[in-house]
Each structure stands twice: as structure tokens, then as C-alpha cells.
Amino acid sequence: MSEVVILTEAAALQIKDMMKEHEETDAMLRVAVKGGGCSGLSYGMGFEHELQDGDTTLEQHGIKLVVAKNDAAILNGTKIDYKQSMMGGGFTIDNPNAIASCGCGSSFVTATNKGTPENC
């Protein structure tokens, strides 16, 4: 079985910088799926200090990652990268389970999870 979430080195470096900036050096990064967005589901990332029942944990490039049990199947094999361009930088998420997404790239739908679409 592949990793639930694959974090690139570029993404890990950016997350480490953000952790230092926000004094969250002992935190884990929670990667989540929530209802909403143009297509029905959207991604969420945030710092976490405690595990919940059923969480999947892993470590990549020195970053401790946590994914809720219910989100693991939706995110399985998802790659998180960080891209820098002249217009600025941002995280990109490539989810092999997504069958459609909206133009903003942060909202998606899978074959088995459609969520509830909202206006972008």
C-alpha cells in the first residue's frame, strides 16, 4: 500500500519555515478533507498537537503528518508539493482519487465521495 500522503522535500521545507514562524516546532501537520468548495470537497492543512482516535501518522522529511481515519481513503497516494514562481508560492495537491476539480484547484470530488458543493 502506498503512503496516504506524500510530502515533497520542497513542501517539507516550506512547512518547517511556517512552523518556526508560528512557533509550532513541536506540532504535527494535519492533512484533512472537508465538505464544501466548488466541487464538494476541499483540502485542509493545519498544525496539530494531539492525535484523535483512528488517526494515521507518518513522518517524511522531518515533518510528522497526521490524517484522520475517515480521510485516509480519500487522500491515499496524494502528493503535496510547494511551487515558487514570480507571482509567489503555494502548495499544490495532486490527488489520484479525484475525478474532477474546480478551477481554483483546492476543491475536488472522488468517485465515492461527492461532498456538498458551494460557490467559490
PDB file of N, CA and C in Angstrom:
ATOM      1  N   MET A   1       0.848  -1.188   0.000  1.00  0.00           N
ATOM      2  CA  MET A   1       0.000   0.000   0.000  1.00  0.00           C
ATOM      3  C   MET A   1       0.887   1.241   0.000  1.00  0.00           C
ATOM      4  N   SER A   2       0.518   2.233  -0.775  1.00  0.00           N
ATOM      5  CA  SER A   2       1.300   3.458  -0.841  1.00  0.00           C
ATOM      6  C   SER A   2       1.061   4.304   0.410  1.00  0.00           C
ATOM      7  N   GLU A   3       1.894   5.321   0.566  1.00  0.00           N
ATOM      8  CA  GLU A   3       1.715   6.267   1.665  1.00  0.00           C
ATOM      9  C   GLU A   3       0.374   6.983   1.482  1.00  0.00           C
ATOM     10  N   VAL A   4      -0.278   7.309   2.576  1.00  0.00           N
ATOM     11  CA  VAL A   4      -1.534   8.044   2.498  1.00  0.00           C
ATOM     12  C   VAL A   4      -1.271   9.413   1.869  1.00  0.00           C
ATOM     13  N   VAL A   5      -0.242  10.103   2.347  1.00  0.00           N
ATOM     14  CA  VAL A   5       0.147  11.411   1.832  1.00  0.00           C
ATOM     15  C   VAL A   5       1.634  11.392   1.558  1.00  0.00           C
ATOM     16  N   ILE A   6       2.028  11.918   0.412  1.00  0.00           N
ATOM     17  CA  ILE A   6       3.440  12.011   0.037  1.00  0.00           C
ATOM     18  C   ILE A   6       3.814  13.489   0.042  1.00  0.00           C
ATOM     19  N   LEU A   7       4.741  13.842   0.889  1.00  0.00           N
ATOM     20  CA  LEU A   7       5.188  15.214   1.037  1.00  0.00           C
ATOM     21  C   LEU A   7       6.522  15.369   0.312  1.00  0.00           C
ATOM     22  N   THR A   8       6.607  16.322  -0.600  1.00  0.00           N
ATOM     23  CA  THR A   8       7.870  16.548  -1.289  1.00  0.00           C
ATOM     24  C   THR A   8       8.826  17.299  -0.362  1.00  0.00           C
ATOM     25  N   GLU A   9      10.094  17.277  -0.722  1.00  0.00           N
ATOM     26  CA  GLU A   9      11.093  17.980   0.070  1.00  0.00           C
ATOM     27  C   GLU A   9      10.822  19.492   0.074  1.00  0.00           C
ATOM     28  N   ALA A  10      10.404  20.041  -1.077  1.00  0.00           N
ATOM     29  CA  ALA A  10      10.094  21.473  -1.163  1.00  0.00           C
ATOM     30  C   ALA A  10       8.940  21.838  -0.221  1.00  0.00           C
ATOM     31  N   ALA A  11       7.913  21.003  -0.172  1.00  0.00           N
ATOM     32  CA  ALA A  11       6.782  21.255   0.723  1.00  0.00           C
ATOM     33  C   ALA A  11       7.226  21.160   2.175  1.00  0.00           C
ATOM     34  N   ALA A  12       8.045  20.170   2.482  1.00  0.00           N
ATOM     35  CA  ALA A  12       8.530  19.998   3.853  1.00  0.00           C
ATOM     36  C   ALA A  12       9.354  21.205   4.304  1.00  0.00           C
ATOM     37  N   LEU A  13      10.198  21.734   3.437  1.00  0.00           N
ATOM     38  CA  LEU A  13      10.991  22.913   3.786  1.00  0.00           C
ATOM     39  C   LEU A  13      10.089  24.107   4.079  1.00  0.00           C
ATOM     40  N   GLN A  14       9.054  24.307   3.270  1.00  0.00           N
ATOM     41  CA  GLN A  14       8.124  25.415   3.485  1.00  0.00           C
ATOM     42  C   GLN A  14       7.359  25.224   4.788  1.00  0.00           C
ATOM     43  N   ILE A  15       6.932  24.003   5.078  1.00  0.00           N
ATOM     44  CA  ILE A  15       6.200  23.720   6.314  1.00  0.00           C
ATOM     45  C   ILE A  15       7.098  23.966   7.523  1.00  0.00           C
ATOM     46  N   LYS A  16       8.369  23.554   7.446  1.00  0.00           N
ATOM     47  CA  LYS A  16       9.304  23.804   8.545  1.00  0.00           C
ATOM     48  C   LYS A  16       9.465  25.302   8.780  1.00  0.00           C
ATOM     49  N   ASP A  17       9.562  26.089   7.711  1.00  0.00           N
ATOM     50  CA  ASP A  17       9.661  27.545   7.847  1.00  0.00           C
ATOM     51  C   ASP A  17       8.417  28.111   8.521  1.00  0.00           C
ATOM     52  N   MET A  18       7.251  27.617   8.125  1.00  0.00           N
ATOM     53  CA  MET A  18       5.996  28.087   8.712  1.00  0.00           C
ATOM     54  C   MET A  18       5.908  27.688  10.185  1.00  0.00           C
ATOM     55  N   MET A  19       6.377  26.503  10.519  1.00  0.00           N
ATOM     56  CA  MET A  19       6.361  26.047  11.907  1.00  0.00           C
ATOM     57  C   MET A  19       7.243  26.953  12.771  1.00  0.00           C
ATOM     58  N   LYS A  20       8.416  27.315  12.263  1.00  0.00           N
ATOM     59  CA  LYS A  20       9.298  28.228  13.003  1.00  0.00           C
ATOM     60  C   LYS A  20       8.648  29.590  13.160  1.00  0.00           C
ATOM     61  N   GLU A  21       8.084  30.100  12.082  1.00  0.00           N
ATOM     62  CA  GLU A  21       7.457  31.426  12.090  1.00  0.00           C
ATOM     63  C   GLU A  21       6.323  31.511  13.102  1.00  0.00           C
ATOM     64  N   HIS A  22       5.555  30.432  13.235  1.00  0.00           N
ATOM     65  CA  HIS A  22       4.399  30.406  14.131  1.00  0.00           C
ATOM     66  C   HIS A  22       4.696  29.721  15.461  1.00  0.00           C
ATOM     67  N   GLU A  23       5.993  29.459  15.714  1.00  0.00           N
ATOM     68  CA  GLU A  23       6.427  28.803  16.955  1.00  0.00           C
ATOM     69  C   GLU A  23       5.672  27.505  17.212  1.00  0.00           C
ATOM     70  N   GLU A  24       5.588  26.689  16.167  1.00  0.00           N
ATOM     71  CA  GLU A  24       4.897  25.393  16.229  1.00  0.00           C
ATOM     72  C   GLU A  24       5.881  24.247  15.973  1.00  0.00           C
ATOM     73  N   THR A  25       7.112  24.387  16.419  1.00  0.00           N
ATOM     74  CA  THR A  25       8.161  23.411  16.083  1.00  0.00           C
ATOM     75  C   THR A  25       7.882  22.010  16.622  1.00  0.00           C
ATOM     76  N   ASP A  26       7.020  21.875  17.637  1.00  0.00           N
ATOM     77  CA  ASP A  26       6.703  20.548  18.176  1.00  0.00           C
ATOM     78  C   ASP A  26       5.378  20.004  17.648  1.00  0.00           C
ATOM     79  N   ALA A  27       4.773  20.691  16.697  1.00  0.00           N
ATOM     80  CA  ALA A  27       3.459  20.298  16.177  1.00  0.00           C
ATOM     81  C   ALA A  27       3.572  19.275  15.052  1.00  0.00           C
ATOM     82  N   MET A  28       2.438  18.632  14.779  1.00  0.00           N
ATOM     83  CA  MET A  28       2.295  17.748  13.628  1.00  0.00           C
ATOM     84  C   MET A  28       1.496  18.520  12.575  1.00  0.00           C
ATOM     85  N   LEU A  29       1.591  18.095  11.324  1.00  0.00           N
ATOM     86  CA  LEU A  29       0.794  18.693  10.265  1.00  0.00           C
ATOM     87  C   LEU A  29      -0.391  17.777   9.982  1.00  0.00           C
ATOM     88  N   ARG A  30      -1.596  18.280  10.228  1.00  0.00           N
ATOM     89  CA  ARG A  30      -2.798  17.505   9.908  1.00  0.00           C
ATOM     90  C   ARG A  30      -3.218  17.857   8.487  1.00  0.00           C
ATOM     91  N   VAL A  31      -3.386  16.814   7.668  1.00  0.00           N
ATOM     92  CA  VAL A  31      -3.897  16.959   6.310  1.00  0.00           C
ATOM     93  C   VAL A  31      -5.300  16.374   6.342  1.00  0.00           C
ATOM     94  N   ALA A  32      -6.281  17.163   5.877  1.00  0.00           N
ATOM     95  CA  ALA A  32      -7.675  16.770   6.043  1.00  0.00           C
ATOM     96  C   ALA A  32      -8.495  17.038   4.790  1.00  0.00           C
ATOM     97  N   VAL A  33      -9.673  16.456   4.778  1.00  0.00           N
ATOM     98  CA  VAL A  33     -10.678  16.690   3.741  1.00  0.00           C
ATOM     99  C   VAL A  33     -11.926  17.179   4.458  1.00  0.00           C
ATOM    100  N   LYS A  34     -12.544  18.222   3.905  1.00  0.00           N
ATOM    101  CA  LYS A  34     -13.785  18.717   4.493  1.00  0.00           C
ATOM    102  C   LYS A  34     -14.794  18.972   3.393  1.00  0.00           C
ATOM    103  N   GLY A  35     -16.036  19.002   3.744  1.00  0.00           N
ATOM    104  CA  GLY A  35     -17.086  19.293   2.783  1.00  0.00           C
ATOM    105  C   GLY A  35     -17.058  20.754   2.390  1.00  0.00           C
ATOM    106  N   GLY A  36     -17.452  21.039   1.151  1.00  0.00           N
ATOM    107  CA  GLY A  36     -17.517  22.414   0.682  1.00  0.00           C
ATOM    108  C   GLY A  36     -16.657  22.625  -0.548  1.00  0.00           C
ATOM    109  N   GLY A  37     -16.499  23.866  -0.922  1.00  0.00           N
ATOM    110  CA  GLY A  37     -15.757  24.195  -2.134  1.00  0.00           C
ATOM    111  C   GLY A  37     -16.645  24.043  -3.353  1.00  0.00           C
ATOM    112  N   CYS A  38     -16.134  24.436  -4.486  1.00  0.00           N
ATOM    113  CA  CYS A  38     -16.904  24.417  -5.737  1.00  0.00           C
ATOM    114  C   CYS A  38     -17.362  23.010  -6.121  1.00  0.00           C
ATOM    115  N   SER A  39     -16.496  22.033  -5.908  1.00  0.00           N
ATOM    116  CA  SER A  39     -16.798  20.673  -6.352  1.00  0.00           C
ATOM    117  C   SER A  39     -17.423  19.804  -5.273  1.00  0.00           C
ATOM    118  N   GLY A  40     -17.348  20.213  -4.021  1.00  0.00           N
ATOM    119  CA  GLY A  40     -17.993  19.439  -2.966  1.00  0.00           C
ATOM    120  C   GLY A  40     -17.070  19.044  -1.833  1.00  0.00           C
ATOM    121  N   LEU A  41     -15.777  18.864  -2.103  1.00  0.00           N
ATOM    122  CA  LEU A  41     -14.793  18.538  -1.079  1.00  0.00           C
ATOM    123  C   LEU A  41     -13.633  19.505  -1.215  1.00  0.00           C
ATOM    124  N   SER A  42     -12.979  19.812  -0.105  1.00  0.00           N
ATOM    125  CA  SER A  42     -11.792  20.657  -0.172  1.00  0.00           C
ATOM    126  C   SER A  42     -10.750  20.150   0.822  1.00  0.00           C
ATOM    127  N   TYR A  43      -9.519  20.562   0.588  1.00  0.00           N
ATOM    128  CA  TYR A  43      -8.398  20.142   1.421  1.00  0.00           C
ATOM    129  C   TYR A  43      -8.200  21.123   2.562  1.00  0.00           C
ATOM    130  N   GLY A  44      -7.653  20.618   3.633  1.00  0.00           N
ATOM    131  CA  GLY A  44      -7.275  21.461   4.752  1.00  0.00           C
ATOM    132  C   GLY A  44      -5.949  20.994   5.309  1.00  0.00           C
ATOM    133  N   MET A  45      -5.142  21.932   5.767  1.00  0.00           N
ATOM    134  CA  MET A  45      -3.882  21.613   6.432  1.00  0.00           C
ATOM    135  C   MET A  45      -3.744  22.558   7.614  1.00  0.00           C
ATOM    136  N   GLY A  46      -3.263  22.034   8.721  1.00  0.00           N
ATOM    137  CA  GLY A  46      -3.053  22.872   9.895  1.00  0.00           C
ATOM    138  C   GLY A  46      -2.193  22.158  10.909  1.00  0.00           C
ATOM    139  N   PHE A  47      -1.695  22.913  11.863  1.00  0.00           N
ATOM    140  CA  PHE A  47      -0.846  22.338  12.901  1.00  0.00           C
ATOM    141  C   PHE A  47      -1.696  21.708  13.983  1.00  0.00           C
ATOM    142  N   GLU A  48      -1.237  20.588  14.485  1.00  0.00           N
ATOM    143  CA  GLU A  48      -1.986  19.786  15.457  1.00  0.00           C
ATOM    144  C   GLU A  48      -1.024  19.339  16.557  1.00  0.00           C
ATOM    145  N   HIS A  49      -1.532  19.273  17.786  1.00  0.00           N
ATOM    146  CA  HIS A  49      -0.697  18.851  18.914  1.00  0.00           C
ATOM    147  C   HIS A  49      -1.160  17.534  19.523  1.00  0.00           C
ATOM    148  N   GLU A  50      -2.378  17.099  19.213  1.00  0.00           N
ATOM    149  CA  GLU A  50      -2.905  15.865  19.792  1.00  0.00           C
ATOM    150  C   GLU A  50      -3.501  14.985  18.708  1.00  0.00           C
ATOM    151  N   LEU A  51      -3.347  13.681  18.895  1.00  0.00           N
ATOM    152  CA  LEU A  51      -3.928  12.719  17.971  1.00  0.00           C
ATOM    153  C   LEU A  51      -5.367  12.419  18.370  1.00  0.00           C
ATOM    154  N   GLN A  52      -6.176  12.083  17.375  1.00  0.00           N
ATOM    155  CA  GLN A  52      -7.556  11.651  17.602  1.00  0.00           C
ATOM    156  C   GLN A  52      -7.619  10.135  17.374  1.00  0.00           C
ATOM    157  N   ASP A  53      -8.642   9.493  17.901  1.00  0.00           N
ATOM    158  CA  ASP A  53      -8.804   8.051  17.705  1.00  0.00           C
ATOM    159  C   ASP A  53      -8.820   7.716  16.218  1.00  0.00           C
ATOM    160  N   GLY A  54      -8.037   6.735  15.828  1.00  0.00           N
ATOM    161  CA  GLY A  54      -8.020   6.254  14.460  1.00  0.00           C
ATOM    162  C   GLY A  54      -7.125   7.036  13.516  1.00  0.00           C
ATOM    163  N   ASP A  55      -6.422   8.054  14.005  1.00  0.00           N
ATOM    164  CA  ASP A  55      -5.528   8.816  13.139  1.00  0.00           C
ATOM    165  C   ASP A  55      -4.404   7.945  12.589  1.00  0.00           C
ATOM    166  N   THR A  56      -4.040   8.212  11.339  1.00  0.00           N
ATOM    167  CA  THR A  56      -2.866   7.613  10.724  1.00  0.00           C
ATOM    168  C   THR A  56      -1.731   8.613  10.864  1.00  0.00           C
ATOM    169  N   THR A  57      -0.572   8.149  11.303  1.00  0.00           N
ATOM    170  CA  THR A  57       0.574   9.042  11.449  1.00  0.00           C
ATOM    171  C   THR A  57       1.729   8.525  10.604  1.00  0.00           C
ATOM    172  N   LEU A  58       2.508   9.454  10.092  1.00  0.00           N
ATOM    173  CA  LEU A  58       3.706   9.109   9.332  1.00  0.00           C
ATOM    174  C   LEU A  58       4.668  10.277   9.433  1.00  0.00           C
ATOM    175  N   GLU A  59       5.914  10.063   9.050  1.00  0.00           N
ATOM    176  CA  GLU A  59       6.911  11.120   9.072  1.00  0.00           C
ATOM    177  C   GLU A  59       7.667  11.123   7.758  1.00  0.00           C
ATOM    178  N   GLN A  60       7.794  12.312   7.168  1.00  0.00           N
ATOM    179  CA  GLN A  60       8.512  12.466   5.902  1.00  0.00           C
ATOM    180  C   GLN A  60       9.314  13.762   5.950  1.00  0.00           C
ATOM    181  N   HIS A  61      10.566  13.690   5.593  1.00  0.00           N
ATOM    182  CA  HIS A  61      11.456  14.857   5.543  1.00  0.00           C
ATOM    183  C   HIS A  61      11.448  15.627   6.862  1.00  0.00           C
ATOM    184  N   GLY A  62      11.321  14.913   7.975  1.00  0.00           N
ATOM    185  CA  GLY A  62      11.337  15.556   9.284  1.00  0.00           C
ATOM    186  C   GLY A  62      10.021  16.168   9.707  1.00  0.00           C
ATOM    187  N   ILE A  63       8.970  15.984   8.935  1.00  0.00           N
ATOM    188  CA  ILE A  63       7.642  16.502   9.274  1.00  0.00           C
ATOM    189  C   ILE A  63       6.764  15.334   9.715  1.00  0.00           C
ATOM    190  N   LYS A  64       6.154  15.472  10.895  1.00  0.00           N
ATOM    191  CA  LYS A  64       5.199  14.479  11.373  1.00  0.00           C
ATOM    192  C   LYS A  64       3.842  14.835  10.788  1.00  0.00           C
ATOM    193  N   LEU A  65       3.256  13.887  10.047  1.00  0.00           N
ATOM    194  CA  LEU A  65       1.956  14.080   9.402  1.00  0.00           C
ATOM    195  C   LEU A  65       0.903  13.247  10.107  1.00  0.00           C
ATOM    196  N   VAL A  66      -0.324  13.772  10.131  1.00  0.00           N
ATOM    197  CA  VAL A  66      -1.442  13.040  10.706  1.00  0.00           C
ATOM    198  C   VAL A  66      -2.648  13.195   9.786  1.00  0.00           C
ATOM    199  N   VAL A  67      -3.362  12.078   9.574  1.00  0.00           N
ATOM    200  CA  VAL A  67      -4.557  12.053   8.723  1.00  0.00           C
ATOM    201  C   VAL A  67      -5.648  11.297   9.477  1.00  0.00           C
ATOM    202  N   ALA A  68      -6.838  11.859   9.522  1.00  0.00           N
ATOM    203  CA  ALA A  68      -7.970  11.205  10.184  1.00  0.00           C
ATOM    204  C   ALA A  68      -8.338   9.922   9.444  1.00  0.00           C
ATOM    205  N   LYS A  69      -8.830   8.964  10.190  1.00  0.00           N
ATOM    206  CA  LYS A  69      -9.226   7.662   9.624  1.00  0.00           C
ATOM    207  C   LYS A  69     -10.183   7.828   8.444  1.00  0.00           C
ATOM    208  N   ASN A  70     -11.183   8.702   8.578  1.00  0.00           N
ATOM    209  CA  ASN A  70     -12.179   8.880   7.519  1.00  0.00           C
ATOM    210  C   ASN A  70     -11.608   9.555   6.276  1.00  0.00           C
ATOM    211  N   ASP A  71     -10.518  10.288   6.423  1.00  0.00           N
ATOM    212  CA  ASP A  71      -9.914  10.988   5.289  1.00  0.00           C
ATOM    213  C   ASP A  71      -8.859  10.155   4.572  1.00  0.00           C
ATOM    214  N   ALA A  72      -8.362   9.123   5.213  1.00  0.00           N
ATOM    215  CA  ALA A  72      -7.242   8.351   4.669  1.00  0.00           C
ATOM    216  C   ALA A  72      -7.551   7.749   3.298  1.00  0.00           C
ATOM    217  N   ALA A  73      -8.724   7.168   3.120  1.00  0.00           N
ATOM    218  CA  ALA A  73      -9.063   6.553   1.829  1.00  0.00           C
ATOM    219  C   ALA A  73      -9.177   7.603   0.723  1.00  0.00           C
ATOM    220  N   ILE A  74      -9.712   8.770   1.051  1.00  0.00           N
ATOM    221  CA  ILE A  74      -9.867   9.841   0.059  1.00  0.00           C
ATOM    222  C   ILE A  74      -8.509  10.407  -0.339  1.00  0.00           C
ATOM    223  N   LEU A  75      -7.581  10.466   0.623  1.00  0.00           N
ATOM    224  CA  LEU A  75      -6.268  11.059   0.380  1.00  0.00           C
ATOM    225  C   LEU A  75      -5.197  10.060  -0.045  1.00  0.00           C
ATOM    226  N   ASN A  76      -5.490   8.780  -0.035  1.00  0.00           N
ATOM    227  CA  ASN A  76      -4.469   7.762  -0.283  1.00  0.00           C
ATOM    228  C   ASN A  76      -3.683   8.035  -1.565  1.00  0.00           C
ATOM    229  N   GLY A  77      -2.375   8.223  -1.424  1.00  0.00           N
ATOM    230  CA  GLY A  77      -1.498   8.471  -2.562  1.00  0.00           C
ATOM    231  C   GLY A  77      -1.386   9.936  -2.958  1.00  0.00           C
ATOM    232  N   THR A  78      -1.995  10.845  -2.190  1.00  0.00           N
ATOM    233  CA  THR A  78      -1.975  12.267  -2.506  1.00  0.00           C
ATOM    234  C   THR A  78      -0.580  12.855  -2.305  1.00  0.00           C
ATOM    235  N   LYS A  79      -0.136  13.624  -3.290  1.00  0.00           N
ATOM    236  CA  LYS A  79       1.185  14.262  -3.239  1.00  0.00           C
ATOM    237  C   LYS A  79       1.019  15.755  -2.969  1.00  0.00           C
ATOM    238  N   ILE A  80       1.713  16.238  -1.938  1.00  0.00           N
ATOM    239  CA  ILE A  80       1.702  17.660  -1.599  1.00  0.00           C
ATOM    240  C   ILE A  80       3.067  18.235  -1.939  1.00  0.00           C
ATOM    241  N   ASP A  81       3.065  19.278  -2.761  1.00  0.00           N
ATOM    242  CA  ASP A  81       4.302  19.928  -3.200  1.00  0.00           C
ATOM    243  C   ASP A  81       4.186  21.421  -2.912  1.00  0.00           C
ATOM    244  N   TYR A  82       5.299  22.119  -3.016  1.00  0.00           N
ATOM    245  CA  TYR A  82       5.294  23.571  -2.900  1.00  0.00           C
ATOM    246  C   TYR A  82       6.007  24.127  -4.117  1.00  0.00           C
ATOM    247  N   LYS A  83       5.327  25.011  -4.824  1.00  0.00           N
ATOM    248  CA  LYS A  83       5.874  25.620  -6.044  1.00  0.00           C
ATOM    249  C   LYS A  83       6.092  27.105  -5.813  1.00  0.00           C
ATOM    250  N   GLN A  84       7.249  27.589  -6.246  1.00  0.00           N
ATOM    251  CA  GLN A  84       7.572  29.006  -6.159  1.00  0.00           C
ATOM    252  C   GLN A  84       7.648  29.558  -7.572  1.00  0.00           C
ATOM    253  N   SER A  85       7.013  30.706  -7.802  1.00  0.00           N
ATOM    254  CA  SER A  85       7.080  31.353  -9.108  1.00  0.00           C
ATOM    255  C   SER A  85       7.242  32.858  -8.898  1.00  0.00           C
ATOM    256  N   MET A  86       7.328  33.593  -9.987  1.00  0.00           N
ATOM    257  CA  MET A  86       7.475  35.039  -9.888  1.00  0.00           C
ATOM    258  C   MET A  86       6.232  35.688  -9.273  1.00  0.00           C
ATOM    259  N   MET A  87       5.108  35.012  -9.342  1.00  0.00           N
ATOM    260  CA  MET A  87       3.860  35.531  -8.791  1.00  0.00           C
ATOM    261  C   MET A  87       3.680  35.139  -7.323  1.00  0.00           C
ATOM    262  N   GLY A  88       4.638  34.432  -6.770  1.00  0.00           N
ATOM    263  CA  GLY A  88       4.547  33.981  -5.385  1.00  0.00           C
ATOM    264  C   GLY A  88       4.626  32.473  -5.315  1.00  0.00           C
ATOM    265  N   GLY A  89       4.312  31.930  -4.168  1.00  0.00           N
ATOM    266  CA  GLY A  89       4.394  30.490  -3.993  1.00  0.00           C
ATOM    267  C   GLY A  89       3.123  29.941  -3.400  1.00  0.00           C
ATOM    268  N   GLY A  90       3.001  28.635  -3.478  1.00  0.00           N
ATOM    269  CA  GLY A  90       1.843  27.989  -2.891  1.00  0.00           C
ATOM    270  C   GLY A  90       1.951  26.482  -2.948  1.00  0.00           C
ATOM    271  N   PHE A  91       1.167  25.844  -2.113  1.00  0.00           N
ATOM    272  CA  PHE A  91       1.120  24.393  -2.080  1.00  0.00           C
ATOM    273  C   PHE A  91       0.266  23.885  -3.236  1.00  0.00           C
ATOM    274  N   THR A  92       0.685  22.781  -3.834  1.00  0.00           N
ATOM    275  CA  THR A  92      -0.112  22.097  -4.839  1.00  0.00           C
ATOM    276  C   THR A  92      -0.426  20.708  -4.313  1.00  0.00           C
ATOM    277  N   ILE A  93      -1.618  20.236  -4.617  1.00  0.00           N
ATOM    278  CA  ILE A  93      -2.063  18.932  -4.138  1.00  0.00           C
ATOM    279  C   ILE A  93      -2.505  18.113  -5.337  1.00  0.00           C
ATOM    280  N   ASP A  94      -1.872  16.960  -5.509  1.00  0.00           N
ATOM    281  CA  ASP A  94      -2.204  16.044  -6.597  1.00  0.00           C
ATOM    282  C   ASP A  94      -2.793  14.777  -5.990  1.00  0.00           C
ATOM    283  N   ASN A  95      -4.110  14.647  -6.086  1.00  0.00           N
ATOM    284  CA  ASN A  95      -4.825  13.518  -5.503  1.00  0.00           C
ATOM    285  C   ASN A  95      -5.245  12.564  -6.614  1.00  0.00           C
ATOM    286  N   PRO A  96      -4.673  11.357  -6.658  1.00  0.00           N
ATOM    287  CA  PRO A  96      -5.029  10.410  -7.710  1.00  0.00           C
ATOM    288  C   PRO A  96      -6.468   9.905  -7.605  1.00  0.00           C
ATOM    289  N   ASN A  97      -7.128  10.153  -6.492  1.00  0.00           N
ATOM    290  CA  ASN A  97      -8.507   9.709  -6.293  1.00  0.00           C
ATOM    291  C   ASN A  97      -9.530  10.724  -6.785  1.00  0.00           C
ATOM    292  N   ALA A  98      -9.090  11.942  -7.058  1.00  0.00           N
ATOM    293  CA  ALA A  98     -10.008  12.984  -7.527  1.00  0.00           C
ATOM    294  C   ALA A  98     -10.368  12.727  -8.987  1.00  0.00           C
ATOM    295  N   ILE A  99     -11.660  12.744  -9.290  1.00  0.00           N
ATOM    296  CA  ILE A  99     -12.098  12.538 -10.675  1.00  0.00           C
ATOM    297  C   ILE A  99     -12.487  13.850 -11.336  1.00  0.00           C
ATOM    298  N   ALA A 100     -12.653  14.900 -10.528  1.00  0.00           N
ATOM    299  CA  ALA A 100     -12.955  16.235 -11.055  1.00  0.00           C
ATOM    300  C   ALA A 100     -12.546  17.254 -10.011  1.00  0.00           C
ATOM    301  N   SER A 101     -12.171  18.431 -10.478  1.00  0.00           N
ATOM    302  CA  SER A 101     -11.846  19.521  -9.563  1.00  0.00           C
ATOM    303  C   SER A 101     -12.279  20.833 -10.196  1.00  0.00           C
ATOM    304  N   CYS A 102     -12.332  21.870  -9.383  1.00  0.00           N
ATOM    305  CA  CYS A 102     -12.733  23.172  -9.914  1.00  0.00           C
ATOM    306  C   CYS A 102     -11.494  23.951 -10.344  1.00  0.00           C
ATOM    307  N   GLY A 103     -11.711  25.104 -10.928  1.00  0.00           N
ATOM    308  CA  GLY A 103     -10.627  25.914 -11.454  1.00  0.00           C
ATOM    309  C   GLY A 103      -9.631  26.377 -10.410  1.00  0.00           C
ATOM    310  N   CYS A 104     -10.073  26.561  -9.166  1.00  0.00           N
ATOM    311  CA  CYS A 104      -9.160  27.055  -8.136  1.00  0.00           C
ATOM    312  C   CYS A 104      -8.187  25.966  -7.685  1.00  0.00           C
ATOM    313  N   GLY A 105      -8.498  24.694  -7.964  1.00  0.00           N
ATOM    314  CA  GLY A 105      -7.592  23.605  -7.653  1.00  0.00           C
ATOM    315  C   GLY A 105      -7.637  23.119  -6.225  1.00  0.00           C
ATOM    316  N   SER A 106      -8.430  23.742  -5.369  1.00  0.00           N
ATOM    317  CA  SER A 106      -8.478  23.296  -3.981  1.00  0.00           C
ATOM    318  C   SER A 106      -9.763  22.552  -3.652  1.00  0.00           C
ATOM    319  N   SER A 107     -10.640  22.405  -4.612  1.00  0.00           N
ATOM    320  CA  SER A 107     -11.894  21.691  -4.409  1.00  0.00           C
ATOM    321  C   SER A 107     -11.973  20.550  -5.411  1.00  0.00           C
ATOM    322  N   PHE A 108     -12.502  19.407  -4.963  1.00  0.00           N
ATOM    323  CA  PHE A 108     -12.490  18.212  -5.796  1.00  0.00           C
ATOM    324  C   PHE A 108     -13.632  17.284  -5.432  1.00  0.00           C
ATOM    325  N   VAL A 109     -13.777  16.225  -6.205  1.00  0.00           N
ATOM    326  CA  VAL A 109     -14.750  15.178  -5.945  1.00  0.00           C
ATOM    327  C   VAL A 109     -14.098  13.850  -6.318  1.00  0.00           C
ATOM    328  N   THR A 110     -14.422  12.786  -5.581  1.00  0.00           N
ATOM    329  CA  THR A 110     -13.935  11.450  -5.921  1.00  0.00           C
ATOM    330  C   THR A 110     -15.125  10.623  -6.394  1.00  0.00           C
ATOM    331  N   ALA A 111     -14.851   9.437  -6.897  1.00  0.00           N
ATOM    332  CA  ALA A 111     -15.921   8.569  -7.397  1.00  0.00           C
ATOM    333  C   ALA A 111     -16.899   8.183  -6.281  1.00  0.00           C
ATOM    334  N   THR A 112     -16.415   8.082  -5.048  1.00  0.00           N
ATOM    335  CA  THR A 112     -17.267   7.629  -3.953  1.00  0.00           C
ATOM    336  C   THR A 112     -17.615   8.729  -2.948  1.00  0.00           C
ATOM    337  N   ASN A 113     -16.992   9.897  -3.047  1.00  0.00           N
ATOM    338  CA  ASN A 113     -17.232  10.989  -2.116  1.00  0.00           C
ATOM    339  C   ASN A 113     -17.448  12.282  -2.873  1.00  0.00           C
ATOM    340  N   LYS A 114     -18.687  12.758  -2.866  1.00  0.00           N
ATOM    341  CA  LYS A 114     -19.009  13.947  -3.651  1.00  0.00           C
ATOM    342  C   LYS A 114     -19.099  15.215  -2.818  1.00  0.00           C
ATOM    343  N   GLY A 115     -19.369  15.109  -1.511  1.00  0.00           N
ATOM    344  CA  GLY A 115     -19.481  16.295  -0.670  1.00  0.00           C
ATOM    345  C   GLY A 115     -20.665  17.149  -1.089  1.00  0.00           C
ATOM    346  N   THR A 116     -20.704  18.376  -0.594  1.00  0.00           N
ATOM    347  CA  THR A 116     -21.758  19.318  -0.902  1.00  0.00           C
ATOM    348  C   THR A 116     -21.131  20.573  -1.516  1.00  0.00           C
ATOM    349  N   PRO A 117     -21.312  20.779  -2.820  1.00  0.00           N
ATOM    350  CA  PRO A 117     -20.699  21.944  -3.465  1.00  0.00           C
ATOM    351  C   PRO A 117     -21.207  23.265  -2.898  1.00  0.00           C
ATOM    352  N   GLU A 118     -20.305  24.262  -2.886  1.00  0.00           N
ATOM    353  CA  GLU A 118     -20.625  25.628  -2.503  1.00  0.00           C
ATOM    354  C   GLU A 118     -20.124  26.535  -3.589  1.00  0.00           C
ATOM    355  N   ASN A 119     -20.515  27.770  -3.572  1.00  0.00           N
ATOM    356  CA  ASN A 119     -19.978  28.743  -4.525  1.00  0.00           C
ATOM    357  C   ASN A 119     -18.536  29.060  -4.184  1.00  0.00           C
ATOM    358  N   CYS A 120     -17.702  29.231  -5.198  1.00  0.00           N
ATOM    359  CA  CYS A 120     -16.300  29.621  -4.969  1.00  0.00           C
ATOM    360  C   CYS A 120     -16.218  31.107  -4.745  1.00  0.00           C
TER     361      CYS A 120
END
